[in-house]
PDB file of all heavy atoms in Angstrom:
ATOM      1  N   SER A   1      12.601 -14.842   4.355  1.00  0.00           N
ATOM      2  CA  SER A   1      12.959 -14.047   5.490  1.00  0.00           C
ATOM      3  C   SER A   1      12.215 -12.691   5.713  1.00  0.00           C
ATOM      4  O   SER A   1      12.262 -12.090   6.677  1.00  0.00           O
ATOM      5  CB  SER A   1      14.485 -13.853   5.456  1.00  0.00           C
ATOM      6  OG  SER A   1      14.802 -12.913   4.422  1.00  0.00           O
ATOM      7  N   VAL A   2      11.740 -12.336   4.488  1.00  0.00           N
ATOM      8  CA  VAL A   2      10.862 -11.138   4.548  1.00  0.00           C
ATOM      9  C   VAL A   2       9.322 -11.371   4.407  1.00  0.00           C
ATOM     10  O   VAL A   2       8.589 -10.328   4.285  1.00  0.00           O
ATOM     11  CB  VAL A   2      11.305 -10.163   3.332  1.00  0.00           C
ATOM     12  CG1 VAL A   2      12.714  -9.736   3.553  1.00  0.00           C
ATOM     13  CG2 VAL A   2      11.100 -10.730   2.050  1.00  0.00           C
ATOM     14  N   ALA A   3       9.010 -12.566   4.535  1.00  0.00           N
ATOM     15  CA  ALA A   3       7.528 -12.882   4.541  1.00  0.00           C
ATOM     16  C   ALA A   3       6.920 -12.735   5.861  1.00  0.00           C
ATOM     17  O   ALA A   3       6.749 -13.551   6.786  1.00  0.00           O
ATOM     18  CB  ALA A   3       7.396 -14.396   4.088  1.00  0.00           C
ATOM     19  N   HIS A   4       6.547 -11.382   6.206  1.00  0.00           N
ATOM     20  CA  HIS A   4       5.920 -10.917   7.392  1.00  0.00           C
ATOM     21  C   HIS A   4       4.871 -10.078   7.187  1.00  0.00           C
ATOM     22  O   HIS A   4       5.048  -9.166   6.260  1.00  0.00           O
ATOM     23  CB  HIS A   4       7.109 -10.415   8.435  1.00  0.00           C
ATOM     24  CG  HIS A   4       6.515 -10.240   9.747  1.00  0.00           C
ATOM     25  ND1 HIS A   4       5.767  -9.164  10.052  1.00  0.00           N
ATOM     26  CD2 HIS A   4       6.624 -10.906  10.913  1.00  0.00           C
ATOM     27  CE1 HIS A   4       5.355  -9.066  11.460  1.00  0.00           C
ATOM     28  NE2 HIS A   4       5.794 -10.152  11.846  1.00  0.00           N
ATOM     29  N   PRO A   5       3.757  -9.987   7.884  1.00  0.00           N
ATOM     30  CA  PRO A   5       2.635  -9.169   7.429  1.00  0.00           C
ATOM     31  C   PRO A   5       3.053  -7.618   7.522  1.00  0.00           C
ATOM     32  O   PRO A   5       2.615  -6.867   6.688  1.00  0.00           O
ATOM     33  CB  PRO A   5       1.463  -9.367   8.538  1.00  0.00           C
ATOM     34  CG  PRO A   5       1.878 -10.865   8.968  1.00  0.00           C
ATOM     35  CD  PRO A   5       3.257 -11.014   8.848  1.00  0.00           C
ATOM     36  N   PHE A   6       3.955  -7.292   8.474  1.00  0.00           N
ATOM     37  CA  PHE A   6       4.362  -5.959   8.534  1.00  0.00           C
ATOM     38  C   PHE A   6       5.420  -5.447   7.517  1.00  0.00           C
ATOM     39  O   PHE A   6       5.722  -4.300   7.383  1.00  0.00           O
ATOM     40  CB  PHE A   6       4.829  -5.591   9.994  1.00  0.00           C
ATOM     41  CG  PHE A   6       3.713  -5.290  10.893  1.00  0.00           C
ATOM     42  CD1 PHE A   6       3.637  -6.073  12.042  1.00  0.00           C
ATOM     43  CD2 PHE A   6       2.769  -4.281  10.702  1.00  0.00           C
ATOM     44  CE1 PHE A   6       2.557  -5.945  12.928  1.00  0.00           C
ATOM     45  CE2 PHE A   6       1.760  -4.072  11.634  1.00  0.00           C
ATOM     46  CZ  PHE A   6       1.724  -4.962  12.767  1.00  0.00           C
ATOM     47  N   VAL A   7       5.771  -6.466   6.789  1.00  0.00           N
ATOM     48  CA  VAL A   7       6.662  -6.188   5.492  1.00  0.00           C
ATOM     49  C   VAL A   7       5.845  -6.306   4.267  1.00  0.00           C
ATOM     50  O   VAL A   7       5.854  -5.278   3.342  1.00  0.00           O
ATOM     51  CB  VAL A   7       7.765  -7.178   5.581  1.00  0.00           C
ATOM     52  CG1 VAL A   7       8.558  -7.049   4.271  1.00  0.00           C
ATOM     53  CG2 VAL A   7       8.669  -7.046   6.725  1.00  0.00           C
ATOM     54  N   LEU A   8       4.979  -7.234   4.215  1.00  0.00           N
ATOM     55  CA  LEU A   8       4.125  -7.594   2.924  1.00  0.00           C
ATOM     56  C   LEU A   8       3.063  -6.523   2.710  1.00  0.00           C
ATOM     57  O   LEU A   8       2.838  -6.059   1.665  1.00  0.00           O
ATOM     58  CB  LEU A   8       3.592  -8.990   3.001  1.00  0.00           C
ATOM     59  CG  LEU A   8       4.710 -10.115   2.976  1.00  0.00           C
ATOM     60  CD1 LEU A   8       4.002 -11.460   2.956  1.00  0.00           C
ATOM     61  CD2 LEU A   8       5.529  -9.949   1.594  1.00  0.00           C
ATOM     62  N   LEU A   9       2.324  -6.155   3.890  1.00  0.00           N
ATOM     63  CA  LEU A   9       1.185  -5.291   3.574  1.00  0.00           C
ATOM     64  C   LEU A   9       1.658  -3.804   3.132  1.00  0.00           C
ATOM     65  O   LEU A   9       1.025  -3.301   2.173  1.00  0.00           O
ATOM     66  CB  LEU A   9       0.325  -5.161   4.899  1.00  0.00           C
ATOM     67  CG  LEU A   9      -0.473  -6.509   5.176  1.00  0.00           C
ATOM     68  CD1 LEU A   9      -1.249  -6.193   6.589  1.00  0.00           C
ATOM     69  CD2 LEU A   9      -1.521  -6.750   4.181  1.00  0.00           C
ATOM     70  N   PRO A  10       2.605  -3.303   3.765  1.00  0.00           N
ATOM     71  CA  PRO A  10       2.986  -1.942   3.236  1.00  0.00           C
ATOM     72  C   PRO A  10       3.592  -2.091   1.877  1.00  0.00           C
ATOM     73  O   PRO A  10       3.475  -1.110   1.080  1.00  0.00           O
ATOM     74  CB  PRO A  10       4.099  -1.501   4.286  1.00  0.00           C
ATOM     75  CG  PRO A  10       3.766  -2.360   5.484  1.00  0.00           C
ATOM     76  CD  PRO A  10       3.247  -3.546   5.095  1.00  0.00           C
ATOM     77  N   ALA A  11       4.374  -3.136   1.678  1.00  0.00           N
ATOM     78  CA  ALA A  11       4.971  -3.310   0.358  1.00  0.00           C
ATOM     79  C   ALA A  11       3.896  -3.369  -0.775  1.00  0.00           C
ATOM     80  O   ALA A  11       4.004  -2.792  -1.859  1.00  0.00           O
ATOM     81  CB  ALA A  11       5.894  -4.484   0.180  1.00  0.00           C
ATOM     82  N   ILE A  12       2.801  -4.197  -0.510  1.00  0.00           N
ATOM     83  CA  ILE A  12       1.692  -4.278  -1.462  1.00  0.00           C
ATOM     84  C   ILE A  12       0.992  -2.982  -1.588  1.00  0.00           C
ATOM     85  O   ILE A  12       0.629  -2.534  -2.741  1.00  0.00           O
ATOM     86  CB  ILE A  12       0.632  -5.382  -0.972  1.00  0.00           C
ATOM     87  CG1 ILE A  12       1.263  -6.789  -1.048  1.00  0.00           C
ATOM     88  CG2 ILE A  12      -0.546  -5.361  -1.677  1.00  0.00           C
ATOM     89  CD1 ILE A  12       0.569  -7.850  -0.400  1.00  0.00           C
ATOM     90  N   GLY A  13       0.905  -2.197  -0.533  1.00  0.00           N
ATOM     91  CA  GLY A  13       0.216  -0.938  -0.575  1.00  0.00           C
ATOM     92  C   GLY A  13       1.031   0.008  -1.498  1.00  0.00           C
ATOM     93  O   GLY A  13       0.429   0.821  -2.203  1.00  0.00           O
ATOM     94  N   GLN A  14       2.442  -0.008  -1.321  1.00  0.00           N
ATOM     95  CA  GLN A  14       3.283   0.871  -2.202  1.00  0.00           C
ATOM     96  C   GLN A  14       3.166   0.463  -3.711  1.00  0.00           C
ATOM     97  O   GLN A  14       3.145   1.311  -4.471  1.00  0.00           O
ATOM     98  CB  GLN A  14       4.711   0.917  -1.646  1.00  0.00           C
ATOM     99  CG  GLN A  14       4.927   1.739  -0.447  1.00  0.00           C
ATOM    100  CD  GLN A  14       6.386   1.700   0.072  1.00  0.00           C
ATOM    101  OE1 GLN A  14       7.118   0.796  -0.281  1.00  0.00           O
ATOM    102  NE2 GLN A  14       6.667   2.786   0.736  1.00  0.00           N
ATOM    103  N   ILE A  15       3.083  -0.768  -3.839  1.00  0.00           N
ATOM    104  CA  ILE A  15       3.099  -1.376  -5.213  1.00  0.00           C
ATOM    105  C   ILE A  15       1.775  -0.885  -5.913  1.00  0.00           C
ATOM    106  O   ILE A  15       1.716  -0.337  -7.053  1.00  0.00           O
ATOM    107  CB  ILE A  15       3.249  -2.787  -5.329  1.00  0.00           C
ATOM    108  CG1 ILE A  15       4.662  -3.227  -4.931  1.00  0.00           C
ATOM    109  CG2 ILE A  15       2.774  -3.371  -6.657  1.00  0.00           C
ATOM    110  CD1 ILE A  15       4.805  -4.706  -4.692  1.00  0.00           C
ATOM    111  N   LEU A  16       0.651  -0.982  -5.201  1.00  0.00           N
ATOM    112  CA  LEU A  16      -0.672  -0.482  -5.654  1.00  0.00           C
ATOM    113  C   LEU A  16      -0.593   1.091  -5.929  1.00  0.00           C
ATOM    114  O   LEU A  16      -1.227   1.418  -6.938  1.00  0.00           O
ATOM    115  CB  LEU A  16      -1.809  -0.871  -4.631  1.00  0.00           C
ATOM    116  CG  LEU A  16      -1.992  -2.351  -4.699  1.00  0.00           C
ATOM    117  CD1 LEU A  16      -3.171  -2.701  -3.594  1.00  0.00           C
ATOM    118  CD2 LEU A  16      -2.598  -2.879  -6.042  1.00  0.00           C
ATOM    119  N   LEU A  17      -0.013   1.735  -5.073  1.00  0.00           N
ATOM    120  CA  LEU A  17       0.121   3.250  -5.280  1.00  0.00           C
ATOM    121  C   LEU A  17       0.928   3.532  -6.466  1.00  0.00           C
ATOM    122  O   LEU A  17       0.660   4.479  -7.340  1.00  0.00           O
ATOM    123  CB  LEU A  17       0.578   4.015  -4.070  1.00  0.00           C
ATOM    124  CG  LEU A  17      -0.386   4.023  -2.817  1.00  0.00           C
ATOM    125  CD1 LEU A  17       0.340   4.566  -1.597  1.00  0.00           C
ATOM    126  CD2 LEU A  17      -1.633   4.836  -3.250  1.00  0.00           C
ATOM    127  N   LEU A  18       1.872   2.757  -6.753  1.00  0.00           N
ATOM    128  CA  LEU A  18       2.733   2.900  -7.902  1.00  0.00           C
ATOM    129  C   LEU A  18       2.036   2.562  -9.215  1.00  0.00           C
ATOM    130  O   LEU A  18       2.080   3.315 -10.152  1.00  0.00           O
ATOM    131  CB  LEU A  18       4.111   2.055  -7.802  1.00  0.00           C
ATOM    132  CG  LEU A  18       5.259   2.535  -6.948  1.00  0.00           C
ATOM    133  CD1 LEU A  18       6.233   1.362  -6.757  1.00  0.00           C
ATOM    134  CD2 LEU A  18       5.717   3.762  -7.432  1.00  0.00           C
ATOM    135  N   VAL A  19       1.156   1.581  -9.120  1.00  0.00           N
ATOM    136  CA  VAL A  19       0.281   1.195 -10.160  1.00  0.00           C
ATOM    137  C   VAL A  19      -0.575   2.352 -10.579  1.00  0.00           C
ATOM    138  O   VAL A  19      -0.763   2.625 -11.657  1.00  0.00           O
ATOM    139  CB  VAL A  19      -0.381  -0.149 -10.039  1.00  0.00           C
ATOM    140  CG1 VAL A  19      -1.584  -0.355 -10.986  1.00  0.00           C
ATOM    141  CG2 VAL A  19       0.585  -1.233  -9.883  1.00  0.00           C
ATOM    142  N   THR A  20      -1.066   3.020  -9.674  1.00  0.00           N
ATOM    143  CA  THR A  20      -2.071   4.150  -9.799  1.00  0.00           C
ATOM    144  C   THR A  20      -1.327   5.264 -10.643  1.00  0.00           C
ATOM    145  O   THR A  20      -2.061   6.100 -11.245  1.00  0.00           O
ATOM    146  CB  THR A  20      -2.751   4.651  -8.677  1.00  0.00           C
ATOM    147  OG1 THR A  20      -1.725   5.232  -7.769  1.00  0.00           O
ATOM    148  CG2 THR A  20      -3.470   3.568  -7.813  1.00  0.00           C
ATOM    149  N   LEU A  21      -0.043   5.333 -10.476  1.00  0.00           N
ATOM    150  CA  LEU A  21       0.665   6.481 -11.140  1.00  0.00           C
ATOM    151  C   LEU A  21       0.771   6.235 -12.765  1.00  0.00           C
ATOM    152  O   LEU A  21       0.897   7.137 -13.439  1.00  0.00           O
ATOM    153  CB  LEU A  21       2.030   6.596 -10.448  1.00  0.00           C
ATOM    154  CG  LEU A  21       2.181   7.072  -9.108  1.00  0.00           C
ATOM    155  CD1 LEU A  21       3.525   7.090  -8.540  1.00  0.00           C
ATOM    156  CD2 LEU A  21       1.293   8.303  -8.873  1.00  0.00           C
ATOM    157  N   ILE A  22       0.718   4.856 -13.122  1.00  0.00           N
ATOM    158  CA  ILE A  22       0.817   4.738 -14.577  1.00  0.00           C
ATOM    159  C   ILE A  22      -0.692   4.624 -15.160  1.00  0.00           C
ATOM    160  O   ILE A  22      -0.755   4.462 -16.419  1.00  0.00           O
ATOM    161  CB  ILE A  22       1.580   3.399 -14.680  1.00  0.00           C
ATOM    162  CG1 ILE A  22       0.982   2.216 -14.206  1.00  0.00           C
ATOM    163  CG2 ILE A  22       3.023   3.718 -14.429  1.00  0.00           C
ATOM    164  CD1 ILE A  22       1.779   0.941 -14.516  1.00  0.00           C
ATOM    165  N   GLN A  23      -1.669   4.595 -14.250  1.00  0.00           N
ATOM    166  CA  GLN A  23      -2.911   4.538 -14.817  1.00  0.00           C
ATOM    167  C   GLN A  23      -3.436   6.046 -15.307  1.00  0.00           C
ATOM    168  O   GLN A  23      -3.076   6.964 -14.799  1.00  0.00           O
ATOM    169  CB  GLN A  23      -4.012   4.066 -13.762  1.00  0.00           C
ATOM    170  CG  GLN A  23      -3.872   2.716 -13.206  1.00  0.00           C
ATOM    171  CD  GLN A  23      -4.757   2.398 -12.099  1.00  0.00           C
ATOM    172  OE1 GLN A  23      -5.086   3.117 -11.273  1.00  0.00           O
ATOM    173  NE2 GLN A  23      -5.247   1.071 -12.027  1.00  0.00           N
ATOM    174  N   LYS A  24      -4.304   5.949 -16.352  1.00  0.00           N
ATOM    175  CA  LYS A  24      -4.802   7.255 -16.947  1.00  0.00           C
ATOM    176  C   LYS A  24      -5.525   7.954 -15.815  1.00  0.00           C
ATOM    177  O   LYS A  24      -5.441   9.092 -15.587  1.00  0.00           O
ATOM    178  CB  LYS A  24      -5.635   6.974 -18.213  1.00  0.00           C
ATOM    179  CG  LYS A  24      -6.068   8.146 -18.957  1.00  0.00           C
ATOM    180  CD  LYS A  24      -6.735   7.920 -20.149  1.00  0.00           C
ATOM    181  CE  LYS A  24      -6.968   9.243 -20.961  1.00  0.00           C
ATOM    182  NZ  LYS A  24      -7.598   8.870 -22.164  1.00  0.00           N
ATOM    183  N   GLN A  25      -6.550   7.278 -15.281  1.00  0.00           N
ATOM    184  CA  GLN A  25      -7.350   7.730 -14.095  1.00  0.00           C
ATOM    185  C   GLN A  25      -6.958   6.852 -12.902  1.00  0.00           C
ATOM    186  O   GLN A  25      -7.396   5.639 -12.985  1.00  0.00           O
ATOM    187  CB  GLN A  25      -8.815   7.645 -14.380  1.00  0.00           C
ATOM    188  CG  GLN A  25      -9.771   8.147 -13.367  1.00  0.00           C
ATOM    189  CD  GLN A  25      -9.649   9.633 -13.112  1.00  0.00           C
ATOM    190  OE1 GLN A  25      -9.252  10.532 -14.068  1.00  0.00           O
ATOM    191  NE2 GLN A  25      -9.709  10.067 -11.917  1.00  0.00           N
ATOM    192  N   PRO A  26      -6.286   7.320 -11.954  1.00  0.00           N
ATOM    193  CA  PRO A  26      -5.938   6.595 -10.742  1.00  0.00           C
ATOM    194  C   PRO A  26      -7.239   5.791 -10.073  1.00  0.00           C
ATOM    195  O   PRO A  26      -8.173   6.526  -9.892  1.00  0.00           O
ATOM    196  CB  PRO A  26      -5.222   7.550  -9.877  1.00  0.00           C
ATOM    197  CG  PRO A  26      -4.810   8.588 -10.600  1.00  0.00           C
ATOM    198  CD  PRO A  26      -5.837   8.724 -11.848  1.00  0.00           C
ATOM    199  N   SER A  27      -6.991   4.644  -9.835  1.00  0.00           N
ATOM    200  CA  SER A  27      -8.037   3.812  -9.217  1.00  0.00           C
ATOM    201  C   SER A  27      -8.169   4.259  -7.793  1.00  0.00           C
ATOM    202  O   SER A  27      -7.246   4.172  -6.950  1.00  0.00           O
ATOM    203  CB  SER A  27      -7.645   2.317  -9.316  1.00  0.00           C
ATOM    204  OG  SER A  27      -8.539   1.523  -8.520  1.00  0.00           O
ATOM    205  N   LYS A  28      -9.519   4.513  -7.428  1.00  0.00           N
ATOM    206  CA  LYS A  28      -9.652   4.867  -5.993  1.00  0.00           C
ATOM    207  C   LYS A  28      -9.583   3.653  -5.078  1.00  0.00           C
ATOM    208  O   LYS A  28      -9.066   3.680  -3.968  1.00  0.00           O
ATOM    209  CB  LYS A  28     -11.120   5.438  -5.819  1.00  0.00           C
ATOM    210  CG  LYS A  28     -11.304   6.806  -6.274  1.00  0.00           C
ATOM    211  CD  LYS A  28     -12.800   7.259  -6.042  1.00  0.00           C
ATOM    212  CE  LYS A  28     -12.994   8.580  -6.774  1.00  0.00           C
ATOM    213  NZ  LYS A  28     -14.524   8.950  -6.569  1.00  0.00           N
ATOM    214  N   THR A  29      -9.923   2.491  -5.655  1.00  0.00           N
ATOM    215  CA  THR A  29      -9.834   1.304  -4.948  1.00  0.00           C
ATOM    216  C   THR A  29      -8.430   0.937  -4.514  1.00  0.00           C
ATOM    217  O   THR A  29      -8.067   0.619  -3.410  1.00  0.00           O
ATOM    218  CB  THR A  29     -10.444   0.073  -5.659  1.00  0.00           C
ATOM    219  OG1 THR A  29     -11.755   0.421  -6.017  1.00  0.00           O
ATOM    220  CG2 THR A  29     -10.472  -1.165  -4.913  1.00  0.00           C
ATOM    221  N   PHE A  30      -7.522   1.092  -5.579  1.00  0.00           N
ATOM    222  CA  PHE A  30      -6.026   0.771  -5.362  1.00  0.00           C
ATOM    223  C   PHE A  30      -5.389   1.794  -4.321  1.00  0.00           C
ATOM    224  O   PHE A  30      -4.604   1.368  -3.522  1.00  0.00           O
ATOM    225  CB  PHE A  30      -5.197   0.895  -6.716  1.00  0.00           C
ATOM    226  CG  PHE A  30      -5.381  -0.337  -7.471  1.00  0.00           C
ATOM    227  CD1 PHE A  30      -6.213  -1.431  -7.218  1.00  0.00           C
ATOM    228  CD2 PHE A  30      -4.608  -0.493  -8.630  1.00  0.00           C
ATOM    229  CE1 PHE A  30      -6.386  -2.611  -7.876  1.00  0.00           C
ATOM    230  CE2 PHE A  30      -4.725  -1.725  -9.472  1.00  0.00           C
ATOM    231  CZ  PHE A  30      -5.522  -2.721  -8.996  1.00  0.00           C
ATOM    232  N   THR A  31      -6.022   3.131  -4.493  1.00  0.00           N
ATOM    233  CA  THR A  31      -5.478   4.109  -3.641  1.00  0.00           C
ATOM    234  C   THR A  31      -5.942   3.733  -2.127  1.00  0.00           C
ATOM    235  O   THR A  31      -5.103   3.831  -1.179  1.00  0.00           O
ATOM    236  CB  THR A  31      -6.066   5.568  -3.950  1.00  0.00           C
ATOM    237  OG1 THR A  31      -5.572   5.773  -5.313  1.00  0.00           O
ATOM    238  CG2 THR A  31      -5.449   6.589  -2.933  1.00  0.00           C
ATOM    239  N   TYR A  32      -7.201   3.396  -2.032  1.00  0.00           N
ATOM    240  CA  TYR A  32      -7.609   3.038  -0.649  1.00  0.00           C
ATOM    241  C   TYR A  32      -6.851   1.925   0.028  1.00  0.00           C
ATOM    242  O   TYR A  32      -6.613   1.810   1.172  1.00  0.00           O
ATOM    243  CB  TYR A  32      -9.083   2.802  -0.609  1.00  0.00           C
ATOM    244  CG  TYR A  32      -9.942   4.034  -0.671  1.00  0.00           C
ATOM    245  CD1 TYR A  32     -11.187   4.153  -1.424  1.00  0.00           C
ATOM    246  CD2 TYR A  32      -9.600   5.307   0.002  1.00  0.00           C
ATOM    247  CE1 TYR A  32     -11.955   5.379  -1.515  1.00  0.00           C
ATOM    248  CE2 TYR A  32     -10.316   6.452  -0.119  1.00  0.00           C
ATOM    249  CZ  TYR A  32     -11.405   6.406  -0.775  1.00  0.00           C
ATOM    250  OH  TYR A  32     -12.317   7.578  -0.918  1.00  0.00           O
ATOM    251  N   ILE A  33      -6.744   0.848  -0.776  1.00  0.00           N
ATOM    252  CA  ILE A  33      -5.950  -0.445  -0.493  1.00  0.00           C
ATOM    253  C   ILE A  33      -4.658  -0.031   0.002  1.00  0.00           C
ATOM    254  O   ILE A  33      -3.961  -0.449   0.886  1.00  0.00           O
ATOM    255  CB  ILE A  33      -6.116  -1.521  -1.417  1.00  0.00           C
ATOM    256  CG1 ILE A  33      -7.568  -2.006  -1.554  1.00  0.00           C
ATOM    257  CG2 ILE A  33      -5.189  -2.734  -1.036  1.00  0.00           C
ATOM    258  CD1 ILE A  33      -7.806  -2.884  -2.700  1.00  0.00           C
ATOM    259  N   GLY A  34      -3.973   0.776  -0.942  1.00  0.00           N
ATOM    260  CA  GLY A  34      -2.607   1.189  -0.641  1.00  0.00           C
ATOM    261  C   GLY A  34      -2.498   1.931   0.704  1.00  0.00           C
ATOM    262  O   GLY A  34      -1.576   1.817   1.463  1.00  0.00           O
ATOM    263  N   ILE A  35      -3.437   3.004   0.948  1.00  0.00           N
ATOM    264  CA  ILE A  35      -3.464   3.755   2.161  1.00  0.00           C
ATOM    265  C   ILE A  35      -3.649   2.806   3.427  1.00  0.00           C
ATOM    266  O   ILE A  35      -2.865   2.746   4.341  1.00  0.00           O
ATOM    267  CB  ILE A  35      -4.507   4.741   2.121  1.00  0.00           C
ATOM    268  CG1 ILE A  35      -4.173   5.815   1.184  1.00  0.00           C
ATOM    269  CG2 ILE A  35      -4.799   5.331   3.508  1.00  0.00           C
ATOM    270  CD1 ILE A  35      -5.198   6.864   1.072  1.00  0.00           C
ATOM    271  N   GLY A  36      -4.485   1.724   3.191  1.00  0.00           N
ATOM    272  CA  GLY A  36      -4.652   0.798   4.265  1.00  0.00           C
ATOM    273  C   GLY A  36      -3.538   0.025   4.633  1.00  0.00           C
ATOM    274  O   GLY A  36      -3.085  -0.343   5.718  1.00  0.00           O
ATOM    275  N   GLY A  37      -2.803  -0.576   3.526  1.00  0.00           N
ATOM    276  CA  GLY A  37      -1.709  -1.331   3.775  1.00  0.00           C
ATOM    277  C   GLY A  37      -0.406  -0.640   4.416  1.00  0.00           C
ATOM    278  O   GLY A  37       0.158  -1.136   5.350  1.00  0.00           O
ATOM    279  N   ILE A  38      -0.203   0.543   3.851  1.00  0.00           N
ATOM    280  CA  ILE A  38       0.806   1.345   4.539  1.00  0.00           C
ATOM    281  C   ILE A  38       0.434   1.951   5.813  1.00  0.00           C
ATOM    282  O   ILE A  38       1.134   2.035   6.799  1.00  0.00           O
ATOM    283  CB  ILE A  38       1.324   2.489   3.508  1.00  0.00           C
ATOM    284  CG1 ILE A  38       1.793   1.912   2.149  1.00  0.00           C
ATOM    285  CG2 ILE A  38       2.328   3.264   4.143  1.00  0.00           C
ATOM    286  CD1 ILE A  38       1.935   2.867   1.068  1.00  0.00           C
ATOM    287  N   GLY A  39      -0.955   2.266   5.928  1.00  0.00           N
ATOM    288  CA  GLY A  39      -1.502   2.944   7.088  1.00  0.00           C
ATOM    289  C   GLY A  39      -1.315   2.153   8.315  1.00  0.00           C
ATOM    290  O   GLY A  39      -1.162   2.569   9.357  1.00  0.00           O
ATOM    291  N   ILE A  40      -1.438   0.871   8.276  1.00  0.00           N
ATOM    292  CA  ILE A  40      -1.360  -0.089   9.415  1.00  0.00           C
ATOM    293  C   ILE A  40      -0.025   0.118   9.941  1.00  0.00           C
ATOM    294  O   ILE A  40       0.157   0.216  11.332  1.00  0.00           O
ATOM    295  CB  ILE A  40      -1.551  -1.625   8.851  1.00  0.00           C
ATOM    296  CG1 ILE A  40      -3.021  -1.906   8.518  1.00  0.00           C
ATOM    297  CG2 ILE A  40      -1.031  -2.601   9.972  1.00  0.00           C
ATOM    298  CD1 ILE A  40      -3.298  -3.116   7.940  1.00  0.00           C
ATOM    299  N   LEU A  41       1.048  -0.007   9.156  1.00  0.00           N
ATOM    300  CA  LEU A  41       2.413   0.242   9.687  1.00  0.00           C
ATOM    301  C   LEU A  41       2.642   1.552  10.219  1.00  0.00           C
ATOM    302  O   LEU A  41       3.144   1.734  11.382  1.00  0.00           O
ATOM    303  CB  LEU A  41       3.487  -0.117   8.640  1.00  0.00           C
ATOM    304  CG  LEU A  41       4.949   0.163   9.016  1.00  0.00           C
ATOM    305  CD1 LEU A  41       5.319  -0.825  10.167  1.00  0.00           C
ATOM    306  CD2 LEU A  41       5.879  -0.124   7.770  1.00  0.00           C
ATOM    307  N   MET A  42       2.209   2.602   9.486  1.00  0.00           N
ATOM    308  CA  MET A  42       2.349   4.006   9.971  1.00  0.00           C
ATOM    309  C   MET A  42       1.578   4.243  11.225  1.00  0.00           C
ATOM    310  O   MET A  42       2.094   4.989  12.157  1.00  0.00           O
ATOM    311  CB  MET A  42       2.003   4.990   8.846  1.00  0.00           C
ATOM    312  CG  MET A  42       2.868   4.895   7.650  1.00  0.00           C
ATOM    313  SD  MET A  42       4.644   4.847   7.966  1.00  0.00           S
ATOM    314  CE  MET A  42       4.814   6.776   8.019  1.00  0.00           C
ATOM    315  N   LEU A  43       0.330   3.739  11.436  1.00  0.00           N
ATOM    316  CA  LEU A  43      -0.237   3.937  12.678  1.00  0.00           C
ATOM    317  C   LEU A  43       0.440   3.248  13.829  1.00  0.00           C
ATOM    318  O   LEU A  43       0.347   3.706  14.926  1.00  0.00           O
ATOM    319  CB  LEU A  43      -1.760   3.397  12.471  1.00  0.00           C
ATOM    320  CG  LEU A  43      -2.681   4.347  11.747  1.00  0.00           C
ATOM    321  CD1 LEU A  43      -4.063   3.624  11.515  1.00  0.00           C
ATOM    322  CD2 LEU A  43      -2.911   5.599  12.369  1.00  0.00           C
ATOM    323  N   LEU A  44       0.938   1.983  13.577  1.00  0.00           N
ATOM    324  CA  LEU A  44       1.777   1.276  14.613  1.00  0.00           C
ATOM    325  C   LEU A  44       3.053   2.271  15.027  1.00  0.00           C
ATOM    326  O   LEU A  44       3.224   2.300  16.061  1.00  0.00           O
ATOM    327  CB  LEU A  44       2.253  -0.019  14.079  1.00  0.00           C
ATOM    328  CG  LEU A  44       3.042  -0.878  15.185  1.00  0.00           C
ATOM    329  CD1 LEU A  44       2.150  -1.180  16.355  1.00  0.00           C
ATOM    330  CD2 LEU A  44       3.471  -2.214  14.550  1.00  0.00           C
ATOM    331  N   ILE A  45       3.709   2.739  14.036  1.00  0.00           N
ATOM    332  CA  ILE A  45       4.798   3.688  14.327  1.00  0.00           C
ATOM    333  C   ILE A  45       4.407   4.843  15.159  1.00  0.00           C
ATOM    334  O   ILE A  45       5.020   5.179  16.121  1.00  0.00           O
ATOM    335  CB  ILE A  45       5.507   4.082  13.007  1.00  0.00           C
ATOM    336  CG1 ILE A  45       6.263   2.864  12.294  1.00  0.00           C
ATOM    337  CG2 ILE A  45       6.442   5.209  13.267  1.00  0.00           C
ATOM    338  CD1 ILE A  45       6.759   3.190  10.915  1.00  0.00           C
ATOM    339  N   PHE A  46       3.164   5.394  14.681  1.00  0.00           N
ATOM    340  CA  PHE A  46       2.618   6.592  15.473  1.00  0.00           C
ATOM    341  C   PHE A  46       2.391   6.070  16.888  1.00  0.00           C
ATOM    342  O   PHE A  46       2.679   6.805  17.875  1.00  0.00           O
ATOM    343  CB  PHE A  46       1.378   6.957  14.851  1.00  0.00           C
ATOM    344  CG  PHE A  46       0.700   8.244  15.439  1.00  0.00           C
ATOM    345  CD1 PHE A  46       1.094   9.515  15.238  1.00  0.00           C
ATOM    346  CD2 PHE A  46      -0.333   8.170  16.341  1.00  0.00           C
ATOM    347  CE1 PHE A  46       0.694  10.675  15.813  1.00  0.00           C
ATOM    348  CE2 PHE A  46      -0.854   9.236  16.853  1.00  0.00           C
ATOM    349  CZ  PHE A  46      -0.423  10.506  16.649  1.00  0.00           C
TER     350      PHE A  46
END
């Protein structure tokens, strides 16, 4: 029931951003993918 791109992409983005918080040096790649995943939804809301 929650398997929808506008649910999964932001969730994956948030998970990747959470992963960067436990890394010693936050991954730029994970940060960019996280911004992209969440950004799609936030741009749609905008």
